[in-house]
PDB file of N, CA and C in Angstrom:
ATOM      1  N   MET A   1       0.276 -40.484   7.009  1.00  0.00           N
ATOM      2  CA  MET A   1      -0.011 -39.153   7.035  1.00  0.00           C
ATOM      3  C   MET A   1      -0.684 -38.365   7.739  1.00  0.00           C
ATOM      4  N   MET A   2      -0.456 -37.558   8.772  1.00  0.00           N
ATOM      5  CA  MET A   2      -1.185 -36.396   9.752  1.00  0.00           C
ATOM      6  C   MET A   2      -1.644 -35.680   9.358  1.00  0.00           C
ATOM      7  N   GLY A   3      -2.907 -35.471   9.128  1.00  0.00           N
ATOM      8  CA  GLY A   3      -3.793 -34.412   9.132  1.00  0.00           C
ATOM      9  C   GLY A   3      -3.642 -33.304  10.522  1.00  0.00           C
ATOM     10  N   PRO A   4      -4.072 -32.147   9.895  1.00  0.00           N
ATOM     11  CA  PRO A   4      -3.956 -31.188  11.101  1.00  0.00           C
ATOM     12  C   PRO A   4      -4.355 -31.335  12.696  1.00  0.00           C
ATOM     13  N   MET A   5      -5.853 -31.935  12.373  1.00  0.00           N
ATOM     14  CA  MET A   5      -6.300 -32.573  13.618  1.00  0.00           C
ATOM     15  C   MET A   5      -5.570 -33.585  14.522  1.00  0.00           C
ATOM     16  N   ALA A   6      -4.635 -34.374  13.888  1.00  0.00           N
ATOM     17  CA  ALA A   6      -3.685 -35.262  14.423  1.00  0.00           C
ATOM     18  C   ALA A   6      -2.580 -34.576  15.181  1.00  0.00           C
ATOM     19  N   GLU A   7      -2.211 -33.524  14.137  1.00  0.00           N
ATOM     20  CA  GLU A   7      -0.670 -33.026  14.833  1.00  0.00           C
ATOM     21  C   GLU A   7      -1.122 -32.195  15.899  1.00  0.00           C
ATOM     22  N   PHE A   8      -2.489 -31.575  16.158  1.00  0.00           N
ATOM     23  CA  PHE A   8      -2.817 -30.672  17.407  1.00  0.00           C
ATOM     24  C   PHE A   8      -2.472 -31.200  18.373  1.00  0.00           C
ATOM     25  N   ALA A   9      -3.159 -32.819  18.173  1.00  0.00           N
ATOM     26  CA  ALA A   9      -3.107 -33.252  19.483  1.00  0.00           C
ATOM     27  C   ALA A   9      -1.904 -33.601  20.292  1.00  0.00           C
ATOM     28  N   THR A  10      -1.055 -33.455  19.525  1.00  0.00           N
ATOM     29  CA  THR A  10       0.244 -33.430  19.762  1.00  0.00           C
ATOM     30  C   THR A  10       0.748 -31.868  20.608  1.00  0.00           C
ATOM     31  N   LEU A  11       0.086 -30.970  20.214  1.00  0.00           N
ATOM     32  CA  LEU A  11       0.350 -29.477  20.719  1.00  0.00           C
ATOM     33  C   LEU A  11       1.344 -29.420  21.635  1.00  0.00           C
ATOM     34  N   GLU A  12       0.585 -29.762  22.866  1.00  0.00           N
ATOM     35  CA  GLU A  12       0.802 -29.610  24.497  1.00  0.00           C
ATOM     36  C   GLU A  12       1.858 -30.542  24.563  1.00  0.00           C
ATOM     37  N   ARG A  13       2.578 -31.212  23.913  1.00  0.00           N
ATOM     38  CA  ARG A  13       3.870 -31.881  23.921  1.00  0.00           C
ATOM     39  C   ARG A  13       5.251 -31.443  23.016  1.00  0.00           C
ATOM     40  N   LEU A  14       4.708 -30.441  22.261  1.00  0.00           N
ATOM     41  CA  LEU A  14       5.956 -29.120  22.097  1.00  0.00           C
ATOM     42  C   LEU A  14       6.547 -28.329  22.802  1.00  0.00           C
ATOM     43  N   PRO A  15       7.775 -28.514  22.362  1.00  0.00           N
ATOM     44  CA  PRO A  15       8.637 -27.613  23.016  1.00  0.00           C
ATOM     45  C   PRO A  15       8.955 -26.667  22.202  1.00  0.00           C
ATOM     46  N   GLY A  16       9.163 -25.517  23.178  1.00  0.00           N
ATOM     47  CA  GLY A  16       9.672 -24.079  22.572  1.00  0.00           C
ATOM     48  C   GLY A  16       8.644 -23.300  22.392  1.00  0.00           C
ATOM     49  N   LEU A  17       8.483 -22.650  21.318  1.00  0.00           N
ATOM     50  CA  LEU A  17       7.503 -21.926  20.378  1.00  0.00           C
ATOM     51  C   LEU A  17       6.997 -22.183  19.432  1.00  0.00           C
ATOM     52  N   THR A  18       5.861 -22.167  19.218  1.00  0.00           N
ATOM     53  CA  THR A  18       4.590 -23.091  18.470  1.00  0.00           C
ATOM     54  C   THR A  18       3.545 -21.751  18.181  1.00  0.00           C
ATOM     55  N   PRO A  19       4.028 -20.770  17.202  1.00  0.00           N
ATOM     56  CA  PRO A  19       2.808 -19.715  16.404  1.00  0.00           C
ATOM     57  C   PRO A  19       1.776 -20.904  15.731  1.00  0.00           C
ATOM     58  N   VAL A  20       0.639 -21.067  15.760  1.00  0.00           N
ATOM     59  CA  VAL A  20      -0.089 -21.375  15.055  1.00  0.00           C
ATOM     60  C   VAL A  20      -1.175 -20.210  14.085  1.00  0.00           C
ATOM     61  N   LEU A  21      -1.002 -20.274  12.886  1.00  0.00           N
ATOM     62  CA  LEU A  21      -1.480 -18.814  11.798  1.00  0.00           C
ATOM     63  C   LEU A  21      -2.780 -19.544  11.128  1.00  0.00           C
ATOM     64  N   PHE A  22      -4.195 -18.453  11.338  1.00  0.00           N
ATOM     65  CA  PHE A  22      -5.244 -19.302  10.839  1.00  0.00           C
ATOM     66  C   PHE A  22      -5.182 -18.242  10.017  1.00  0.00           C
ATOM     67  N   ALA A  23      -5.382 -18.391   8.704  1.00  0.00           N
ATOM     68  CA  ALA A  23      -5.547 -17.238   7.604  1.00  0.00           C
ATOM     69  C   ALA A  23      -6.457 -17.955   6.257  1.00  0.00           C
ATOM     70  N   ALA A  24      -6.832 -16.887   5.154  1.00  0.00           N
ATOM     71  CA  ALA A  24      -7.490 -17.742   4.250  1.00  0.00           C
ATOM     72  C   ALA A  24      -6.628 -17.119   3.320  1.00  0.00           C
ATOM     73  N   SER A  25      -6.681 -17.370   1.991  1.00  0.00           N
ATOM     74  CA  SER A  25      -5.919 -16.905   0.694  1.00  0.00           C
ATOM     75  C   SER A  25      -6.321 -15.789   0.287  1.00  0.00           C
ATOM     76  N   ALA A  26      -7.885 -15.603   0.351  1.00  0.00           N
ATOM     77  CA  ALA A  26      -8.429 -14.522  -0.174  1.00  0.00           C
ATOM     78  C   ALA A  26      -8.329 -13.253   0.160  1.00  0.00           C
ATOM     79  N   TYR A  27      -7.622 -13.202   1.618  1.00  0.00           N
ATOM     80  CA  TYR A  27      -7.209 -11.620   2.152  1.00  0.00           C
ATOM     81  C   TYR A  27      -5.704 -11.731   1.705  1.00  0.00           C
ATOM     82  N   GLY A  28      -5.331 -10.057   1.093  1.00  0.00           N
ATOM     83  CA  GLY A  28      -3.980  -9.782   1.047  1.00  0.00           C
ATOM     84  C   GLY A  28      -3.437  -9.850   2.204  1.00  0.00           C
ATOM     85  N   ALA A  29      -4.122  -9.509   3.823  1.00  0.00           N
ATOM     86  CA  ALA A  29      -3.223  -9.364   4.700  1.00  0.00           C
ATOM     87  C   ALA A  29      -2.648 -10.815   5.174  1.00  0.00           C
ATOM     88  N   CYS A  30      -3.692 -11.819   4.703  1.00  0.00           N
ATOM     89  CA  CYS A  30      -3.455 -13.184   5.092  1.00  0.00           C
ATOM     90  C   CYS A  30      -2.190 -13.949   4.240  1.00  0.00           C
ATOM     91  N   ARG A  31      -2.612 -13.293   3.202  1.00  0.00           N
ATOM     92  CA  ARG A  31      -1.261 -13.959   1.774  1.00  0.00           C
ATOM     93  C   ARG A  31       0.211 -13.241   2.694  1.00  0.00           C
ATOM     94  N   ARG A  32       0.092 -12.393   3.167  1.00  0.00           N
ATOM     95  CA  ARG A  32       1.442 -11.597   3.703  1.00  0.00           C
ATOM     96  C   ARG A  32       2.088 -12.381   5.306  1.00  0.00           C
ATOM     97  N   MET A  33       0.968 -12.905   5.563  1.00  0.00           N
ATOM     98  CA  MET A  33       1.609 -13.186   6.998  1.00  0.00           C
ATOM     99  C   MET A  33       2.337 -14.317   7.268  1.00  0.00           C
ATOM    100  N   PRO A  34       2.761 -15.313   6.368  1.00  0.00           N
ATOM    101  CA  PRO A  34       3.542 -16.047   6.330  1.00  0.00           C
ATOM    102  C   PRO A  34       4.880 -15.724   6.424  1.00  0.00           C
ATOM    103  N   LYS A  35       5.403 -14.493   5.373  1.00  0.00           N
ATOM    104  CA  LYS A  35       6.775 -14.609   5.635  1.00  0.00           C
ATOM    105  C   LYS A  35       6.997 -13.361   6.691  1.00  0.00           C
ATOM    106  N   VAL A  36       5.658 -12.449   6.987  1.00  0.00           N
ATOM    107  CA  VAL A  36       5.562 -11.256   8.182  1.00  0.00           C
ATOM    108  C   VAL A  36       6.155 -11.998   9.285  1.00  0.00           C
ATOM    109  N   SER A  37       5.134 -13.512   9.921  1.00  0.00           N
ATOM    110  CA  SER A  37       5.467 -14.452  11.349  1.00  0.00           C
ATOM    111  C   SER A  37       6.699 -14.335  11.107  1.00  0.00           C
ATOM    112  N   ALA A  38       7.031 -15.074   9.901  1.00  0.00           N
ATOM    113  CA  ALA A  38       8.686 -16.007  10.079  1.00  0.00           C
ATOM    114  C   ALA A  38       9.468 -14.463  10.341  1.00  0.00           C
ATOM    115  N   ASP A  39       9.513 -13.374   9.772  1.00  0.00           N
ATOM    116  CA  ASP A  39      10.593 -12.371   9.943  1.00  0.00           C
ATOM    117  C   ASP A  39      10.094 -11.569  11.945  1.00  0.00           C
ATOM    118  N   GLY A  40       8.960 -11.967  12.181  1.00  0.00           N
ATOM    119  CA  GLY A  40       9.052 -11.828  13.728  1.00  0.00           C
ATOM    120  C   GLY A  40       9.473 -12.524  14.658  1.00  0.00           C
ATOM    121  N   LEU A  41       9.830 -13.820  14.532  1.00  0.00           N
ATOM    122  CA  LEU A  41      10.369 -14.593  15.331  1.00  0.00           C
ATOM    123  C   LEU A  41      11.805 -14.030  16.211  1.00  0.00           C
ATOM    124  N   PRO A  42      11.887 -14.429  17.092  1.00  0.00           N
ATOM    125  CA  PRO A  42      13.405 -14.395  17.901  1.00  0.00           C
ATOM    126  C   PRO A  42      14.398 -15.245  16.881  1.00  0.00           C
ATOM    127  N   ARG A  43      15.395 -14.726  16.840  1.00  0.00           N
ATOM    128  CA  ARG A  43      16.110 -15.591  15.865  1.00  0.00           C
ATOM    129  C   ARG A  43      16.822 -16.514  17.405  1.00  0.00           C
ATOM    130  N   GLY A  44      16.847 -17.915  16.906  1.00  0.00           N
ATOM    131  CA  GLY A  44      17.222 -18.903  17.313  1.00  0.00           C
ATOM    132  C   GLY A  44      16.633 -19.770  18.300  1.00  0.00           C
ATOM    133  N   THR A  45      15.127 -19.503  18.141  1.00  0.00           N
ATOM    134  CA  THR A  45      14.305 -19.903  18.783  1.00  0.00           C
ATOM    135  C   THR A  45      13.676 -21.401  17.928  1.00  0.00           C
ATOM    136  N   ASP A  46      13.398 -21.932  19.476  1.00  0.00           N
ATOM    137  CA  ASP A  46      13.165 -23.776  19.042  1.00  0.00           C
ATOM    138  C   ASP A  46      11.974 -23.244  18.757  1.00  0.00           C
ATOM    139  N   CYS A  47      11.521 -23.285  17.367  1.00  0.00           N
ATOM    140  CA  CYS A  47       9.869 -22.831  16.953  1.00  0.00           C
ATOM    141  C   CYS A  47       9.282 -23.775  15.528  1.00  0.00           C
ATOM    142  N   ARG A  48       8.223 -24.365  15.885  1.00  0.00           N
ATOM    143  CA  ARG A  48       7.949 -25.096  14.688  1.00  0.00           C
ATOM    144  C   ARG A  48       6.368 -24.169  14.444  1.00  0.00           C
ATOM    145  N   VAL A  49       6.168 -23.663  13.178  1.00  0.00           N
ATOM    146  CA  VAL A  49       5.204 -22.789  12.901  1.00  0.00           C
ATOM    147  C   VAL A  49       3.720 -23.910  12.463  1.00  0.00           C
ATOM    148  N   TYR A  50       2.516 -23.309  12.384  1.00  0.00           N
ATOM    149  CA  TYR A  50       1.712 -24.597  11.716  1.00  0.00           C
ATOM    150  C   TYR A  50       0.718 -23.395  10.922  1.00  0.00           C
ATOM    151  N   MET A  51       0.674 -23.462   9.724  1.00  0.00           N
ATOM    152  CA  MET A  51      -0.228 -22.468   8.518  1.00  0.00           C
ATOM    153  C   MET A  51      -1.568 -23.254   8.738  1.00  0.00           C
ATOM    154  N   ILE A  52      -3.130 -22.523   9.050  1.00  0.00           N
ATOM    155  CA  ILE A  52      -4.230 -23.353   9.039  1.00  0.00           C
ATOM    156  C   ILE A  52      -4.966 -22.560   8.372  1.00  0.00           C
ATOM    157  N   GLY A  53      -5.568 -23.278   6.776  1.00  0.00           N
ATOM    158  CA  GLY A  53      -6.409 -22.540   6.060  1.00  0.00           C
ATOM    159  C   GLY A  53      -7.536 -22.768   6.543  1.00  0.00           C
ATOM    160  N   ALA A  54      -8.170 -21.448   6.455  1.00  0.00           N
ATOM    161  CA  ALA A  54      -9.575 -21.345   7.749  1.00  0.00           C
ATOM    162  C   ALA A  54     -10.529 -21.905   6.837  1.00  0.00           C
ATOM    163  N   GLY A  55     -10.705 -21.744   5.701  1.00  0.00           N
ATOM    164  CA  GLY A  55     -12.021 -22.455   4.742  1.00  0.00           C
ATOM    165  C   GLY A  55     -11.326 -23.415   4.652  1.00  0.00           C
ATOM    166  N   ARG A  56     -10.068 -24.262   4.635  1.00  0.00           N
ATOM    167  CA  ARG A  56     -10.310 -25.600   4.469  1.00  0.00           C
ATOM    168  C   ARG A  56      -9.974 -26.450   5.872  1.00  0.00           C
ATOM    169  N   ASP A  57      -9.674 -25.905   6.771  1.00  0.00           N
ATOM    170  CA  ASP A  57      -9.945 -26.488   8.322  1.00  0.00           C
ATOM    171  C   ASP A  57     -10.477 -25.973   9.101  1.00  0.00           C
ATOM    172  N   VAL A  58     -11.882 -26.056   8.430  1.00  0.00           N
ATOM    173  CA  VAL A  58     -13.369 -25.437   9.440  1.00  0.00           C
ATOM    174  C   VAL A  58     -13.783 -26.027  11.035  1.00  0.00           C
ATOM    175  N   THR A  59     -12.938 -27.327  11.186  1.00  0.00           N
ATOM    176  CA  THR A  59     -13.667 -28.119  12.634  1.00  0.00           C
ATOM    177  C   THR A  59     -12.631 -27.223  13.199  1.00  0.00           C
ATOM    178  N   LEU A  60     -11.164 -27.350  12.973  1.00  0.00           N
ATOM    179  CA  LEU A  60      -9.800 -26.671  13.408  1.00  0.00           C
ATOM    180  C   LEU A  60     -10.077 -25.195  14.012  1.00  0.00           C
ATOM    181  N   THR A  61     -10.575 -24.857  12.777  1.00  0.00           N
ATOM    182  CA  THR A  61     -11.094 -22.921  12.739  1.00  0.00           C
ATOM    183  C   THR A  61     -12.017 -22.887  14.156  1.00  0.00           C
ATOM    184  N   ARG A  62     -12.954 -23.535  13.711  1.00  0.00           N
ATOM    185  CA  ARG A  62     -14.128 -23.551  14.560  1.00  0.00           C
ATOM    186  C   ARG A  62     -13.582 -23.608  16.172  1.00  0.00           C
ATOM    187  N   GLU A  63     -12.927 -25.138  16.408  1.00  0.00           N
ATOM    188  CA  GLU A  63     -12.421 -25.371  17.801  1.00  0.00           C
ATOM    189  C   GLU A  63     -11.465 -24.181  18.499  1.00  0.00           C
ATOM    190  N   PHE A  64     -10.834 -23.408  17.973  1.00  0.00           N
ATOM    191  CA  PHE A  64     -10.414 -22.388  17.968  1.00  0.00           C
ATOM    192  C   PHE A  64     -11.120 -21.430  18.303  1.00  0.00           C
ATOM    193  N   GLU A  65     -12.387 -21.199  17.796  1.00  0.00           N
ATOM    194  CA  GLU A  65     -13.148 -20.135  18.136  1.00  0.00           C
ATOM    195  C   GLU A  65     -12.389 -18.605  17.663  1.00  0.00           C
ATOM    196  N   VAL A  66     -12.086 -18.747  16.062  1.00  0.00           N
ATOM    197  CA  VAL A  66     -11.524 -17.978  15.282  1.00  0.00           C
ATOM    198  C   VAL A  66     -12.719 -16.914  14.590  1.00  0.00           C
ATOM    199  N   PHE A  67     -12.677 -15.822  14.813  1.00  0.00           N
ATOM    200  CA  PHE A  67     -13.683 -14.630  13.904  1.00  0.00           C
ATOM    201  C   PHE A  67     -13.106 -13.985  13.286  1.00  0.00           C
ATOM    202  N   HIS A  68     -12.078 -13.590  13.340  1.00  0.00           N
ATOM    203  CA  HIS A  68     -11.456 -12.642  12.573  1.00  0.00           C
ATOM    204  C   HIS A  68     -10.253 -13.617  12.090  1.00  0.00           C
ATOM    205  N   LEU A  69      -9.437 -12.783  10.996  1.00  0.00           N
ATOM    206  CA  LEU A  69      -8.587 -13.167  10.149  1.00  0.00           C
ATOM    207  C   LEU A  69      -7.546 -12.063   9.564  1.00  0.00           C
ATOM    208  N   PRO A  70      -6.249 -12.357   9.551  1.00  0.00           N
ATOM    209  CA  PRO A  70      -5.162 -13.581  10.234  1.00  0.00           C
ATOM    210  C   PRO A  70      -5.518 -13.319  11.993  1.00  0.00           C
ATOM    211  N   VAL A  71      -5.310 -14.478  12.308  1.00  0.00           N
ATOM    212  CA  VAL A  71      -4.891 -14.156  13.537  1.00  0.00           C
ATOM    213  C   VAL A  71      -4.054 -15.848  13.815  1.00  0.00           C
ATOM    214  N   ILE A  72      -3.043 -15.294  15.192  1.00  0.00           N
ATOM    215  CA  ILE A  72      -1.757 -16.253  15.822  1.00  0.00           C
ATOM    216  C   ILE A  72      -2.059 -16.704  17.182  1.00  0.00           C
ATOM    217  N   PHE A  73      -2.344 -17.700  16.790  1.00  0.00           N
ATOM    218  CA  PHE A  73      -2.082 -18.282  18.943  1.00  0.00           C
ATOM    219  C   PHE A  73      -1.005 -18.737  18.965  1.00  0.00           C
ATOM    220  N   LEU A  74      -0.353 -18.136  19.853  1.00  0.00           N
ATOM    221  CA  LEU A  74       1.223 -18.612  20.409  1.00  0.00           C
ATOM    222  C   LEU A  74       0.606 -19.360  21.588  1.00  0.00           C
ATOM    223  N   TYR A  75       1.963 -20.689  21.268  1.00  0.00           N
ATOM    224  CA  TYR A  75       1.972 -21.668  22.450  1.00  0.00           C
ATOM    225  C   TYR A  75       3.580 -21.631  22.794  1.00  0.00           C
ATOM    226  N   VAL A  76       3.743 -22.072  24.009  1.00  0.00           N
ATOM    227  CA  VAL A  76       5.216 -21.793  24.604  1.00  0.00           C
ATOM    228  C   VAL A  76       5.298 -23.065  25.450  1.00  0.00           C
ATOM    229  N   ASP A  77       6.068 -24.134  24.838  1.00  0.00           N
ATOM    230  CA  ASP A  77       6.178 -25.308  25.720  1.00  0.00           C
ATOM    231  C   ASP A  77       5.047 -25.831  25.640  1.00  0.00           C
ATOM    232  N   GLY A  78       4.321 -25.914  25.108  1.00  0.00           N
ATOM    233  CA  GLY A  78       3.063 -26.566  25.043  1.00  0.00           C
ATOM    234  C   GLY A  78       1.813 -25.898  25.344  1.00  0.00           C
ATOM    235  N   ARG A  79       2.232 -25.049  26.303  1.00  0.00           N
ATOM    236  CA  ARG A  79       0.853 -24.392  26.406  1.00  0.00           C
ATOM    237  C   ARG A  79       0.472 -22.933  25.891  1.00  0.00           C
ATOM    238  N   PHE A  80      -0.882 -22.846  25.645  1.00  0.00           N
ATOM    239  CA  PHE A  80      -1.286 -21.110  24.959  1.00  0.00           C
ATOM    240  C   PHE A  80      -0.924 -20.369  25.959  1.00  0.00           C
ATOM    241  N   HIS A  81      -0.448 -19.419  25.343  1.00  0.00           N
ATOM    242  CA  HIS A  81       0.573 -18.308  25.760  1.00  0.00           C
ATOM    243  C   HIS A  81      -0.410 -16.779  25.532  1.00  0.00           C
ATOM    244  N   ARG A  82      -0.857 -16.415  24.411  1.00  0.00           N
ATOM    245  CA  ARG A  82      -1.583 -15.198  24.117  1.00  0.00           C
ATOM    246  C   ARG A  82      -2.130 -15.543  22.406  1.00  0.00           C
ATOM    247  N   GLN A  83      -3.068 -14.203  22.364  1.00  0.00           N
ATOM    248  CA  GLN A  83      -3.587 -14.542  20.834  1.00  0.00           C
ATOM    249  C   GLN A  83      -3.289 -13.113  20.420  1.00  0.00           C
ATOM    250  N   LEU A  84      -3.000 -13.159  19.323  1.00  0.00           N
ATOM    251  CA  LEU A  84      -2.407 -11.844  18.478  1.00  0.00           C
ATOM    252  C   LEU A  84      -3.087 -11.560  16.881  1.00  0.00           C
ATOM    253  N   ARG A  85      -4.067 -10.588  17.202  1.00  0.00           N
ATOM    254  CA  ARG A  85      -4.961 -10.406  16.454  1.00  0.00           C
ATOM    255  C   ARG A  85      -3.595  -9.355  14.876  1.00  0.00           C
ATOM    256  N   ALA A  86      -3.654 -10.409  14.212  1.00  0.00           N
ATOM    257  CA  ALA A  86      -2.444  -9.761  13.102  1.00  0.00           C
ATOM    258  C   ALA A  86      -3.198  -9.205  11.763  1.00  0.00           C
ATOM    259  N   PRO A  87      -2.678  -8.195  10.777  1.00  0.00           N
ATOM    260  CA  PRO A  87      -1.006  -8.635  11.028  1.00  0.00           C
ATOM    261  C   PRO A  87      -0.921  -7.365  12.000  1.00  0.00           C
ATOM    262  N   ALA A  88      -1.500  -6.201  12.730  1.00  0.00           N
ATOM    263  CA  ALA A  88      -1.111  -5.285  13.464  1.00  0.00           C
ATOM    264  C   ALA A  88      -0.851  -5.752  14.732  1.00  0.00           C
ATOM    265  N   ALA A  89      -0.769  -6.639  15.261  1.00  0.00           N
ATOM    266  CA  ALA A  89      -0.243  -7.792  16.246  1.00  0.00           C
ATOM    267  C   ALA A  89       1.287  -8.434  16.385  1.00  0.00           C
ATOM    268  N   VAL A  90       1.948  -8.034  14.810  1.00  0.00           N
ATOM    269  CA  VAL A  90       3.037  -9.177  14.267  1.00  0.00           C
ATOM    270  C   VAL A  90       4.411  -8.198  15.200  1.00  0.00           C
ATOM    271  N   PRO A  91       4.694  -7.209  14.824  1.00  0.00           N
ATOM    272  CA  PRO A  91       5.684  -6.638  15.343  1.00  0.00           C
ATOM    273  C   PRO A  91       5.574  -6.015  16.730  1.00  0.00           C
ATOM    274  N   GLY A  92       4.679  -6.596  17.324  1.00  0.00           N
ATOM    275  CA  GLY A  92       4.544  -7.039  18.443  1.00  0.00           C
ATOM    276  C   GLY A  92       5.140  -8.334  19.268  1.00  0.00           C
ATOM    277  N   LEU A  93       5.396  -8.924  18.305  1.00  0.00           N
ATOM    278  CA  LEU A  93       5.495 -10.755  18.720  1.00  0.00           C
ATOM    279  C   LEU A  93       6.259 -10.996  20.100  1.00  0.00           C
ATOM    280  N   GLN A  94       7.637 -10.056  20.384  1.00  0.00           N
ATOM    281  CA  GLN A  94       8.463 -10.378  21.157  1.00  0.00           C
ATOM    282  C   GLN A  94       8.076  -9.947  22.194  1.00  0.00           C
ATOM    283  N   GLN A  95       7.141  -9.118  22.121  1.00  0.00           N
ATOM    284  CA  GLN A  95       6.635  -7.993  23.222  1.00  0.00           C
ATOM    285  C   GLN A  95       5.590  -9.432  23.729  1.00  0.00           C
ATOM    286  N   ALA A  96       4.379  -9.619  23.228  1.00  0.00           N
ATOM    287  CA  ALA A  96       3.642 -10.338  23.270  1.00  0.00           C
ATOM    288  C   ALA A  96       4.268 -11.723  24.214  1.00  0.00           C
ATOM    289  N   LEU A  97       5.532 -12.207  23.710  1.00  0.00           N
ATOM    290  CA  LEU A  97       6.099 -13.714  24.183  1.00  0.00           C
ATOM    291  C   LEU A  97       6.439 -12.931  25.530  1.00  0.00           C
ATOM    292  N   ALA A  98       7.064 -11.617  25.585  1.00  0.00           N
ATOM    293  CA  ALA A  98       7.494 -11.240  27.090  1.00  0.00           C
ATOM    294  C   ALA A  98       6.307 -11.128  28.257  1.00  0.00           C
ATOM    295  N   ALA A  99       4.910 -10.573  27.511  1.00  0.00           N
ATOM    296  CA  ALA A  99       3.921 -10.485  28.382  1.00  0.00           C
ATOM    297  C   ALA A  99       3.735 -11.693  29.352  1.00  0.00           C
ATOM    298  N   PRO A 100       2.628 -11.530  30.087  1.00  0.00           N
ATOM    299  CA  PRO A 100       2.216 -12.530  30.734  1.00  0.00           C
ATOM    300  C   PRO A 100       0.798 -13.571  30.026  1.00  0.00           C
ATOM    301  N   ALA A 101       1.524 -14.467  30.342  1.00  0.00           N
ATOM    302  CA  ALA A 101       0.158 -15.759  29.379  1.00  0.00           C
ATOM    303  C   ALA A 101      -1.409 -15.118  29.810  1.00  0.00           C
ATOM    304  N   GLN A 102      -1.915 -15.356  28.871  1.00  0.00           N
ATOM    305  CA  GLN A 102      -3.890 -15.084  28.572  1.00  0.00           C
ATOM    306  C   GLN A 102      -4.223 -16.513  28.897  1.00  0.00           C
ATOM    307  N   GLU A 103      -5.295 -16.189  29.254  1.00  0.00           N
ATOM    308  CA  GLU A 103      -6.361 -17.733  29.848  1.00  0.00           C
ATOM    309  C   GLU A 103      -6.475 -18.186  28.269  1.00  0.00           C
ATOM    310  N   ALA A 104      -6.885 -19.508  28.172  1.00  0.00           N
ATOM    311  CA  ALA A 104      -7.076 -20.274  26.743  1.00  0.00           C
ATOM    312  C   ALA A 104      -7.976 -19.758  26.172  1.00  0.00           C
ATOM    313  N   PRO A 105      -8.208 -19.793  24.668  1.00  0.00           N
ATOM    314  CA  PRO A 105      -9.788 -19.557  24.201  1.00  0.00           C
ATOM    315  C   PRO A 105     -10.048 -21.054  24.691  1.00  0.00           C
TER     316      PRO A 105
END
């Protein structure tokens, strides 16, 4: 069984859209994010969503330099595209995908 760190080693090889959601169950906004994130994805998109428990996966949370929850890191064809502070940014998911890529954190 692969853990989150092992799977993230393959992130650069994943085709399509890969949203990486960092959240914590203690926050109401974080508990709502999985449904909102799925609803905001473009239909028919080749997509694999990663849900990261910020309190459980501390090493990964630090590696991504996460300071505010919830947050979504968007990867397109294995390349970092953009960070979205959620939940306010979720309605703009499609606009974020259309925008130019940002520098990786």
